Amino acid sequence: MHDLVIAGVQTRQFWEDKTQNLQHFEELLKTTNLSDVDVLVFPEMFHTGFTMNAEELAEEMHASIGIAWLKQISNTYTCLTIVSLIIKEAGKYYNRMVAVFPNGTLLHYDKRHLFSLAGEDNVFSPGNSDTIVSYKGWKIKLQVCFDLRFPEGARNGIGDDGQPFYDLLIYNANWPARRIAHWDILVPARAVENQSYVMAINRVGKDGNDIAYNGHSVIYNPSGQLLISAHENSEEIIKHILSTIQLNEFRTSLPFLKEIVH
């Protein structure tokens, strides 16, 4: 297990316009040196925005414009790419977080906590399982937006092998500016209670429902200290090196994970 370079794309999203979003992302990626990046994360419903228009915009895993683009990006930058998008499967719609490996392999997590205030629970089906991705010796847990409000879904612990369930917790989101104070509290809380690095990537701009987003994309260390944050309302890519040594030393000095009861 070596140090891990992670990057998150804080960007505006063009409402229900997949082509324009993907073109915009390609240009934005050129603004930062990503040659050393191991993990690259985009906001929730990355190429449509947070829309309930699933019937028109959903894609199937085997014929997805978004996933085809992600495979290209993962191969080009030799990194694990993580987004969520609208997926149709067996007649149901999912807000699906997809992890795309450089070789094209896919793993996914379906958002478990659907945002009822926006009617997400009337359109989408909830997931029923967790996903932890293993990459370059790191174990990465996937979560989407509203999941942040439910700490039980992110609960870390010690497995039968004597090791923590995961080392890095990733959220991608469309989290409105009017509730950003909650985001600012909950993200570091997840780092502290799970003794894990946490990356949380949000969007900026306004969506098709005239809801404003102001970003606050961040990376925290396991003690809840802020490592890097994006500027408010700014399109930018944040990048940081996660230290294996610091993670292990912190967990050894405060071995609290073994006290968690599952």
C-alpha atoms as a PDB file:
ATOM      1  CA  MET A   1       0.000   0.000   0.000  1.00  0.00           C
ATOM      2  CA  HIS A   2       1.574   3.229  -1.216  1.00  0.00           C
ATOM      3  CA  ASP A   3       0.512   6.861  -0.983  1.00  0.00           C
ATOM      4  CA  LEU A   4      -2.541   7.625  -3.115  1.00  0.00           C
ATOM      5  CA  VAL A   5      -3.030  10.733  -5.258  1.00  0.00           C
ATOM      6  CA  ILE A   6      -6.697  11.700  -5.457  1.00  0.00           C
ATOM      7  CA  ALA A   7      -8.355  14.486  -7.437  1.00  0.00           C
ATOM      8  CA  GLY A   8     -11.895  15.831  -7.508  1.00  0.00           C
ATOM      9  CA  VAL A   9     -13.567  17.911 -10.198  1.00  0.00           C
ATOM     10  CA  GLN A  10     -15.723  20.743  -8.830  1.00  0.00           C
ATOM     11  CA  THR A  11     -17.647  21.922 -11.857  1.00  0.00           C
ATOM     12  CA  ARG A  12     -20.893  23.378 -13.109  1.00  0.00           C
ATOM     13  CA  GLN A  13     -23.190  20.995 -14.962  1.00  0.00           C
ATOM     14  CA  PHE A  14     -25.256  21.691 -18.053  1.00  0.00           C
ATOM     15  CA  TRP A  15     -28.842  20.686 -17.408  1.00  0.00           C
ATOM     16  CA  GLU A  16     -29.720  17.364 -19.060  1.00  0.00           C
ATOM     17  CA  ASP A  17     -27.108  17.947 -21.794  1.00  0.00           C
ATOM     18  CA  LYS A  18     -24.762  14.980 -21.855  1.00  0.00           C
ATOM     19  CA  THR A  19     -22.735  16.086 -24.861  1.00  0.00           C
ATOM     20  CA  GLN A  20     -22.037  19.563 -23.523  1.00  0.00           C
ATOM     21  CA  ASN A  21     -21.130  18.226 -20.082  1.00  0.00           C
ATOM     22  CA  LEU A  22     -18.647  15.701 -21.417  1.00  0.00           C
ATOM     23  CA  GLN A  23     -17.042  18.292 -23.687  1.00  0.00           C
ATOM     24  CA  HIS A  24     -16.807  20.726 -20.795  1.00  0.00           C
ATOM     25  CA  PHE A  25     -15.212  18.124 -18.523  1.00  0.00           C
ATOM     26  CA  GLU A  26     -12.588  17.301 -21.144  1.00  0.00           C
ATOM     27  CA  GLU A  27     -11.565  20.941 -21.325  1.00  0.00           C
ATOM     28  CA  LEU A  28     -11.547  21.299 -17.540  1.00  0.00           C
ATOM     29  CA  LEU A  29      -9.306  18.254 -17.130  1.00  0.00           C
ATOM     30  CA  LYS A  30      -6.698  19.937 -19.330  1.00  0.00           C
ATOM     31  CA  THR A  31      -6.287  22.733 -16.773  1.00  0.00           C
ATOM     32  CA  THR A  32      -4.553  20.480 -14.217  1.00  0.00           C
ATOM     33  CA  ASN A  33      -1.636  18.067 -14.421  1.00  0.00           C
ATOM     34  CA  LEU A  34      -3.285  14.706 -13.823  1.00  0.00           C
ATOM     35  CA  SER A  35      -0.383  12.491 -14.892  1.00  0.00           C
ATOM     36  CA  ASP A  36       0.181  11.322 -11.306  1.00  0.00           C
ATOM     37  CA  VAL A  37      -3.464  10.947 -10.272  1.00  0.00           C
ATOM     38  CA  ASP A  38      -4.669   7.560  -9.029  1.00  0.00           C
ATOM     39  CA  VAL A  39      -8.346   8.377  -8.369  1.00  0.00           C
ATOM     40  CA  LEU A  40     -10.458  10.999 -10.174  1.00  0.00           C
ATOM     41  CA  VAL A  41     -13.953  11.944  -8.905  1.00  0.00           C
ATOM     42  CA  PHE A  42     -16.813  13.923 -10.501  1.00  0.00           C
ATOM     43  CA  PRO A  43     -20.097  15.227  -8.972  1.00  0.00           C
ATOM     44  CA  GLU A  44     -23.354  13.286  -8.703  1.00  0.00           C
ATOM     45  CA  MET A  45     -25.267  12.510 -11.930  1.00  0.00           C
ATOM     46  CA  PHE A  46     -22.203  13.873 -13.615  1.00  0.00           C
ATOM     47  CA  HIS A  47     -23.366  14.321 -17.216  1.00  0.00           C
ATOM     48  CA  THR A  48     -27.028  15.284 -16.655  1.00  0.00           C
ATOM     49  CA  GLY A  49     -27.265  17.174 -13.367  1.00  0.00           C
ATOM     50  CA  PHE A  50     -29.562  16.039 -10.539  1.00  0.00           C
ATOM     51  CA  THR A  51     -32.696  15.454 -12.597  1.00  0.00           C
ATOM     52  CA  MET A  52     -35.723  13.242 -12.066  1.00  0.00           C
ATOM     53  CA  ASN A  53     -36.139  12.837 -15.837  1.00  0.00           C
ATOM     54  CA  ALA A  54     -34.895   9.261 -15.630  1.00  0.00           C
ATOM     55  CA  GLU A  55     -37.105   7.788 -18.326  1.00  0.00           C
ATOM     56  CA  GLU A  56     -35.552  10.011 -20.982  1.00  0.00           C
ATOM     57  CA  LEU A  57     -31.975  10.212 -19.698  1.00  0.00           C
ATOM     58  CA  ALA A  58     -31.238   6.772 -18.226  1.00  0.00           C
ATOM     59  CA  GLU A  59     -28.589   4.575 -19.796  1.00  0.00           C
ATOM     60  CA  GLU A  60     -27.979   0.849 -19.589  1.00  0.00           C
ATOM     61  CA  MET A  61     -24.628  -0.367 -18.340  1.00  0.00           C
ATOM     62  CA  HIS A  62     -23.739  -2.163 -21.592  1.00  0.00           C
ATOM     63  CA  ALA A  63     -24.686   0.794 -23.801  1.00  0.00           C
ATOM     64  CA  SER A  64     -23.885   3.875 -21.749  1.00  0.00           C
ATOM     65  CA  ILE A  65     -22.493   7.048 -23.296  1.00  0.00           C
ATOM     66  CA  GLY A  66     -21.266   8.111 -19.878  1.00  0.00           C
ATOM     67  CA  ILE A  67     -19.491   4.865 -19.083  1.00  0.00           C
ATOM     68  CA  ALA A  68     -17.875   4.734 -22.528  1.00  0.00           C
ATOM     69  CA  TRP A  69     -16.490   8.230 -21.886  1.00  0.00           C
ATOM     70  CA  LEU A  70     -15.311   7.238 -18.411  1.00  0.00           C
ATOM     71  CA  LYS A  71     -13.464   4.235 -19.798  1.00  0.00           C
ATOM     72  CA  GLN A  72     -11.659   6.561 -22.189  1.00  0.00           C
ATOM     73  CA  ILE A  73     -10.735   8.977 -19.397  1.00  0.00           C
ATOM     74  CA  SER A  74      -9.601   6.189 -17.062  1.00  0.00           C
ATOM     75  CA  ASN A  75      -7.417   4.733 -19.782  1.00  0.00           C
ATOM     76  CA  THR A  76      -5.992   8.106 -20.846  1.00  0.00           C
ATOM     77  CA  TYR A  77      -5.026   9.161 -17.325  1.00  0.00           C
ATOM     78  CA  THR A  78      -4.388   5.607 -16.024  1.00  0.00           C
ATOM     79  CA  CYS A  79      -6.611   6.203 -13.032  1.00  0.00           C
ATOM     80  CA  LEU A  80      -9.717   4.965 -11.280  1.00  0.00           C
ATOM     81  CA  THR A  81     -12.595   7.266 -12.245  1.00  0.00           C
ATOM     82  CA  ILE A  82     -15.654   7.614 -10.007  1.00  0.00           C
ATOM     83  CA  VAL A  83     -19.003   9.286 -10.835  1.00  0.00           C
ATOM     84  CA  SER A  84     -22.710   8.682 -10.429  1.00  0.00           C
ATOM     85  CA  LEU A  85     -25.182   8.601 -13.296  1.00  0.00           C
ATOM     86  CA  ILE A  86     -28.722   7.451 -14.113  1.00  0.00           C
ATOM     87  CA  ILE A  87     -28.824   3.747 -14.943  1.00  0.00           C
ATOM     88  CA  LYS A  88     -31.765   1.597 -16.028  1.00  0.00           C
ATOM     89  CA  GLU A  89     -31.650  -2.057 -15.084  1.00  0.00           C
ATOM     90  CA  ALA A  90     -34.396  -4.680 -15.076  1.00  0.00           C
ATOM     91  CA  GLY A  91     -37.045  -1.996 -15.541  1.00  0.00           C
ATOM     92  CA  LYS A  92     -35.857   0.098 -12.590  1.00  0.00           C
ATOM     93  CA  TYR A  93     -33.856   3.328 -12.386  1.00  0.00           C
ATOM     94  CA  TYR A  94     -30.841   3.787 -10.131  1.00  0.00           C
ATOM     95  CA  ASN A  95     -28.662   6.700  -9.110  1.00  0.00           C
ATOM     96  CA  ARG A  96     -25.581   4.561  -9.601  1.00  0.00           C
ATOM     97  CA  MET A  97     -22.057   5.411  -8.508  1.00  0.00           C
ATOM     98  CA  VAL A  98     -19.631   3.751 -10.899  1.00  0.00           C
ATOM     99  CA  ALA A  99     -15.921   3.099 -10.399  1.00  0.00           C
ATOM    100  CA  VAL A 100     -14.127   2.608 -13.710  1.00  0.00           C
ATOM    101  CA  PHE A 101     -10.662   1.032 -13.676  1.00  0.00           C
ATOM    102  CA  PRO A 102      -7.988   1.858 -16.276  1.00  0.00           C
ATOM    103  CA  ASN A 103      -8.493  -1.571 -17.874  1.00  0.00           C
ATOM    104  CA  GLY A 104     -12.242  -0.961 -18.241  1.00  0.00           C
ATOM    105  CA  THR A 105     -13.383  -3.076 -15.298  1.00  0.00           C
ATOM    106  CA  LEU A 106     -16.458  -1.688 -13.519  1.00  0.00           C
ATOM    107  CA  LEU A 107     -17.738  -1.770  -9.956  1.00  0.00           C
ATOM    108  CA  HIS A 108     -20.788   0.114  -8.745  1.00  0.00           C
ATOM    109  CA  TYR A 109     -22.833   1.258  -5.778  1.00  0.00           C
ATOM    110  CA  ASP A 110     -26.516   2.216  -5.971  1.00  0.00           C
ATOM    111  CA  LYS A 111     -27.463   5.188  -3.784  1.00  0.00           C
ATOM    112  CA  ARG A 112     -29.278   3.818  -0.749  1.00  0.00           C
ATOM    113  CA  HIS A 113     -30.787   6.980   0.725  1.00  0.00           C
ATOM    114  CA  LEU A 114     -32.945   8.704  -1.876  1.00  0.00           C
ATOM    115  CA  PHE A 115     -33.736  12.400  -1.464  1.00  0.00           C
ATOM    116  CA  SER A 116     -37.503  12.539  -0.912  1.00  0.00           C
ATOM    117  CA  LEU A 117     -37.646  16.361  -0.883  1.00  0.00           C
ATOM    118  CA  ALA A 118     -36.827  16.264  -4.594  1.00  0.00           C
ATOM    119  CA  GLY A 119     -39.001  13.211  -5.282  1.00  0.00           C
ATOM    120  CA  GLU A 120     -35.996  11.000  -5.950  1.00  0.00           C
ATOM    121  CA  ASP A 121     -37.665   8.140  -4.078  1.00  0.00           C
ATOM    122  CA  ASN A 122     -40.639   8.305  -6.482  1.00  0.00           C
ATOM    123  CA  VAL A 123     -38.436   7.790  -9.532  1.00  0.00           C
ATOM    124  CA  PHE A 124     -35.424   5.771  -8.446  1.00  0.00           C
ATOM    125  CA  SER A 125     -35.024   2.475  -6.624  1.00  0.00           C
ATOM    126  CA  PRO A 126     -32.688   2.403  -3.614  1.00  0.00           C
ATOM    127  CA  GLY A 127     -29.621   0.212  -3.478  1.00  0.00           C
ATOM    128  CA  ASN A 128     -29.460  -2.568  -0.911  1.00  0.00           C
ATOM    129  CA  SER A 129     -25.747  -3.193  -0.511  1.00  0.00           C
ATOM    130  CA  ASP A 130     -22.475  -1.397   0.143  1.00  0.00           C
ATOM    131  CA  THR A 131     -19.483  -1.270  -2.164  1.00  0.00           C
ATOM    132  CA  ILE A 132     -15.824  -1.073  -1.196  1.00  0.00           C
ATOM    133  CA  VAL A 133     -13.390  -0.810  -4.104  1.00  0.00           C
ATOM    134  CA  SER A 134      -9.850  -2.128  -3.766  1.00  0.00           C
ATOM    135  CA  TYR A 135      -7.308  -0.131  -5.750  1.00  0.00           C
ATOM    136  CA  LYS A 136      -3.541   0.082  -5.395  1.00  0.00           C
ATOM    137  CA  GLY A 137      -3.722  -1.402  -1.913  1.00  0.00           C
ATOM    138  CA  TRP A 138      -6.378   1.075  -0.728  1.00  0.00           C
ATOM    139  CA  LYS A 139      -9.946   0.169   0.184  1.00  0.00           C
ATOM    140  CA  ILE A 140     -12.377   2.850  -0.987  1.00  0.00           C
ATOM    141  CA  LYS A 141     -16.006   3.056   0.138  1.00  0.00           C
ATOM    142  CA  LEU A 142     -18.542   4.664  -2.186  1.00  0.00           C
ATOM    143  CA  GLN A 143     -21.390   6.969  -1.062  1.00  0.00           C
ATOM    144  CA  VAL A 144     -23.678   9.442  -2.858  1.00  0.00           C
ATOM    145  CA  CYS A 145     -24.869  12.862  -1.621  1.00  0.00           C
ATOM    146  CA  PHE A 146     -27.864  12.305   0.727  1.00  0.00           C
ATOM    147  CA  ASP A 147     -26.110   9.193   2.105  1.00  0.00           C
ATOM    148  CA  LEU A 148     -23.943  11.691   4.002  1.00  0.00           C
ATOM    149  CA  ARG A 149     -26.754  12.331   6.490  1.00  0.00           C
ATOM    150  CA  PHE A 150     -26.839   8.680   7.591  1.00  0.00           C
ATOM    151  CA  PRO A 151     -23.679   7.716   9.516  1.00  0.00           C
ATOM    152  CA  GLU A 152     -24.693   4.073   9.850  1.00  0.00           C
ATOM    153  CA  GLY A 153     -24.225   3.633   6.107  1.00  0.00           C
ATOM    154  CA  ALA A 154     -20.605   4.765   6.332  1.00  0.00           C
ATOM    155  CA  ARG A 155     -19.723   2.840   9.477  1.00  0.00           C
ATOM    156  CA  ASN A 156     -16.151   1.550   9.416  1.00  0.00           C
ATOM    157  CA  GLY A 157     -14.832  -1.265  11.578  1.00  0.00           C
ATOM    158  CA  ILE A 158     -12.349  -4.116  11.781  1.00  0.00           C
ATOM    159  CA  GLY A 159     -12.828  -7.137   9.550  1.00  0.00           C
ATOM    160  CA  ASP A 160     -12.013 -10.779  10.151  1.00  0.00           C
ATOM    161  CA  ASP A 161      -8.560 -10.110   8.704  1.00  0.00           C
ATOM    162  CA  GLY A 162      -7.850  -7.625  11.515  1.00  0.00           C
ATOM    163  CA  GLN A 163      -7.846  -4.672   9.103  1.00  0.00           C
ATOM    164  CA  PRO A 164     -10.272  -1.734   8.776  1.00  0.00           C
ATOM    165  CA  PHE A 165     -13.084  -2.180   6.277  1.00  0.00           C
ATOM    166  CA  TYR A 166     -11.900   0.833   4.302  1.00  0.00           C
ATOM    167  CA  ASP A 167      -9.282   3.606   4.174  1.00  0.00           C
ATOM    168  CA  LEU A 168     -10.940   6.261   2.017  1.00  0.00           C
ATOM    169  CA  LEU A 169     -14.591   7.328   1.938  1.00  0.00           C
ATOM    170  CA  ILE A 170     -15.796   9.136  -1.186  1.00  0.00           C
ATOM    171  CA  TYR A 171     -18.972  11.177  -1.586  1.00  0.00           C
ATOM    172  CA  ASN A 172     -20.064  12.810  -4.804  1.00  0.00           C
ATOM    173  CA  ALA A 173     -22.976  15.183  -4.663  1.00  0.00           C
ATOM    174  CA  ASN A 174     -25.331  17.861  -5.898  1.00  0.00           C
ATOM    175  CA  TRP A 175     -25.658  19.494  -2.463  1.00  0.00           C
ATOM    176  CA  PRO A 176     -27.505  22.861  -2.541  1.00  0.00           C
ATOM    177  CA  ALA A 177     -25.904  26.044  -1.248  1.00  0.00           C
ATOM    178  CA  ARG A 178     -28.838  26.687   1.089  1.00  0.00           C
ATOM    179  CA  ARG A 179     -27.883  23.602   3.135  1.00  0.00           C
ATOM    180  CA  ILE A 180     -24.109  23.760   2.692  1.00  0.00           C
ATOM    181  CA  ALA A 181     -23.608  24.432   6.430  1.00  0.00           C
ATOM    182  CA  HIS A 182     -24.775  20.863   7.087  1.00  0.00           C
ATOM    183  CA  TRP A 183     -22.298  19.516   4.521  1.00  0.00           C
ATOM    184  CA  ASP A 184     -19.491  21.445   6.207  1.00  0.00           C
ATOM    185  CA  ILE A 185     -20.302  19.734   9.522  1.00  0.00           C
ATOM    186  CA  LEU A 186     -21.092  16.219   8.339  1.00  0.00           C
ATOM    187  CA  VAL A 187     -18.114  15.596   6.040  1.00  0.00           C
ATOM    188  CA  PRO A 188     -15.397  15.995   8.723  1.00  0.00           C
ATOM    189  CA  ALA A 189     -17.602  14.097  11.175  1.00  0.00           C
ATOM    190  CA  ARG A 190     -17.491  11.068   8.867  1.00  0.00           C
ATOM    191  CA  ALA A 191     -13.697  11.269   8.811  1.00  0.00           C
ATOM    192  CA  VAL A 192     -13.404  11.382  12.601  1.00  0.00           C
ATOM    193  CA  GLU A 193     -15.894   8.655  13.445  1.00  0.00           C
ATOM    194  CA  ASN A 194     -14.530   6.266  10.817  1.00  0.00           C
ATOM    195  CA  GLN A 195     -10.813   7.105  11.132  1.00  0.00           C
ATOM    196  CA  SER A 196     -10.662   7.395   7.368  1.00  0.00           C
ATOM    197  CA  TYR A 197      -9.684   9.909   4.741  1.00  0.00           C
ATOM    198  CA  VAL A 198     -12.799  11.497   3.239  1.00  0.00           C
ATOM    199  CA  MET A 199     -13.183  13.172  -0.142  1.00  0.00           C
ATOM    200  CA  ALA A 200     -16.478  14.966  -0.851  1.00  0.00           C
ATOM    201  CA  ILE A 201     -17.004  16.474  -4.304  1.00  0.00           C
ATOM    202  CA  ASN A 202     -19.879  18.856  -5.006  1.00  0.00           C
ATOM    203  CA  ARG A 203     -20.942  20.925  -8.012  1.00  0.00           C
ATOM    204  CA  VAL A 204     -21.312  24.680  -8.566  1.00  0.00           C
ATOM    205  CA  GLY A 205     -23.731  26.834 -10.555  1.00  0.00           C
ATOM    206  CA  LYS A 206     -27.506  26.552 -10.958  1.00  0.00           C
ATOM    207  CA  ASP A 207     -29.482  23.572 -12.203  1.00  0.00           C
ATOM    208  CA  GLY A 208     -32.624  23.417 -14.328  1.00  0.00           C
ATOM    209  CA  ASN A 209     -34.779  23.900 -11.249  1.00  0.00           C
ATOM    210  CA  ASP A 210     -32.960  27.158 -10.430  1.00  0.00           C
ATOM    211  CA  ILE A 211     -31.292  25.577  -7.394  1.00  0.00           C
ATOM    212  CA  ALA A 212     -27.889  27.081  -6.598  1.00  0.00           C
ATOM    213  CA  TYR A 213     -24.790  25.080  -5.673  1.00  0.00           C
ATOM    214  CA  ASN A 214     -21.596  26.567  -4.284  1.00  0.00           C
ATOM    215  CA  GLY A 215     -19.183  23.655  -4.118  1.00  0.00           C
ATOM    216  CA  HIS A 216     -17.219  23.312  -0.870  1.00  0.00           C
ATOM    217  CA  SER A 217     -15.467  20.243  -2.297  1.00  0.00           C
ATOM    218  CA  VAL A 218     -12.973  19.010   0.286  1.00  0.00           C
ATOM    219  CA  ILE A 219     -10.553  16.335   1.440  1.00  0.00           C
ATOM    220  CA  TYR A 220     -10.159  15.562   5.169  1.00  0.00           C
ATOM    221  CA  ASN A 221      -7.700  13.370   7.027  1.00  0.00           C
ATOM    222  CA  PRO A 222      -8.778  10.735   9.592  1.00  0.00           C
ATOM    223  CA  SER A 223      -8.550  13.170  12.504  1.00  0.00           C
ATOM    224  CA  GLY A 224     -10.972  15.582  10.819  1.00  0.00           C
ATOM    225  CA  GLN A 225      -8.359  18.085   9.684  1.00  0.00           C
ATOM    226  CA  LEU A 226      -8.966  19.806   6.373  1.00  0.00           C
ATOM    227  CA  LEU A 227      -6.277  18.946   3.818  1.00  0.00           C
ATOM    228  CA  ILE A 228      -7.569  20.919   0.846  1.00  0.00           C
ATOM    229  CA  SER A 229     -10.743  22.704  -0.229  1.00  0.00           C
ATOM    230  CA  ALA A 230     -11.991  24.190  -3.458  1.00  0.00           C
ATOM    231  CA  HIS A 231     -12.847  27.868  -3.664  1.00  0.00           C
ATOM    232  CA  GLU A 232     -16.530  28.647  -3.256  1.00  0.00           C
ATOM    233  CA  ASN A 233     -18.478  28.892  -6.529  1.00  0.00           C
ATOM    234  CA  SER A 234     -15.322  28.114  -8.505  1.00  0.00           C
ATOM    235  CA  GLU A 235     -14.755  25.512 -11.191  1.00  0.00           C
ATOM    236  CA  GLU A 236     -11.521  23.790 -10.270  1.00  0.00           C
ATOM    237  CA  ILE A 237      -9.822  20.484  -9.613  1.00  0.00           C
ATOM    238  CA  ILE A 238      -8.549  19.764  -6.115  1.00  0.00           C
ATOM    239  CA  LYS A 239      -5.724  17.249  -5.717  1.00  0.00           C
ATOM    240  CA  HIS A 240      -3.911  15.800  -2.724  1.00  0.00           C
ATOM    241  CA  ILE A 241      -1.570  12.971  -1.755  1.00  0.00           C
ATOM    242  CA  LEU A 242      -2.978  10.653   0.910  1.00  0.00           C
ATOM    243  CA  SER A 243      -0.253   9.309   3.195  1.00  0.00           C
ATOM    244  CA  THR A 244      -0.256   5.620   4.082  1.00  0.00           C
ATOM    245  CA  ILE A 245       2.193   6.187   6.943  1.00  0.00           C
ATOM    246  CA  GLN A 246       0.100   8.946   8.520  1.00  0.00           C
ATOM    247  CA  LEU A 247      -3.062   6.854   8.209  1.00  0.00           C
ATOM    248  CA  ASN A 248      -1.494   3.815   9.880  1.00  0.00           C
ATOM    249  CA  GLU A 249       0.185   5.864  12.623  1.00  0.00           C
ATOM    250  CA  PHE A 250      -3.062   7.627  13.470  1.00  0.00           C
ATOM    251  CA  ARG A 251      -5.046   4.398  13.646  1.00  0.00           C
ATOM    252  CA  THR A 252      -2.360   2.770  15.789  1.00  0.00           C
ATOM    253  CA  SER A 253      -2.259   5.672  18.241  1.00  0.00           C
ATOM    254  CA  LEU A 254      -6.057   5.724  18.564  1.00  0.00           C
ATOM    255  CA  PRO A 255      -7.280   2.154  17.956  1.00  0.00           C
ATOM    256  CA  PHE A 256     -10.972   3.001  18.251  1.00  0.00           C
ATOM    257  CA  LEU A 257     -12.252   1.055  15.243  1.00  0.00           C
ATOM    258  CA  LYS A 258     -11.968  -2.227  17.141  1.00  0.00           C
ATOM    259  CA  GLU A 259     -14.580  -0.921  19.594  1.00  0.00           C
ATOM    260  CA  ILE A 260     -17.299  -0.589  16.932  1.00  0.00           C
ATOM    261  CA  VAL A 261     -20.009  -3.219  17.250  1.00  0.00           C
ATOM    262  CA  HIS A 262     -21.693  -4.402  14.038  1.00  0.00           C
END
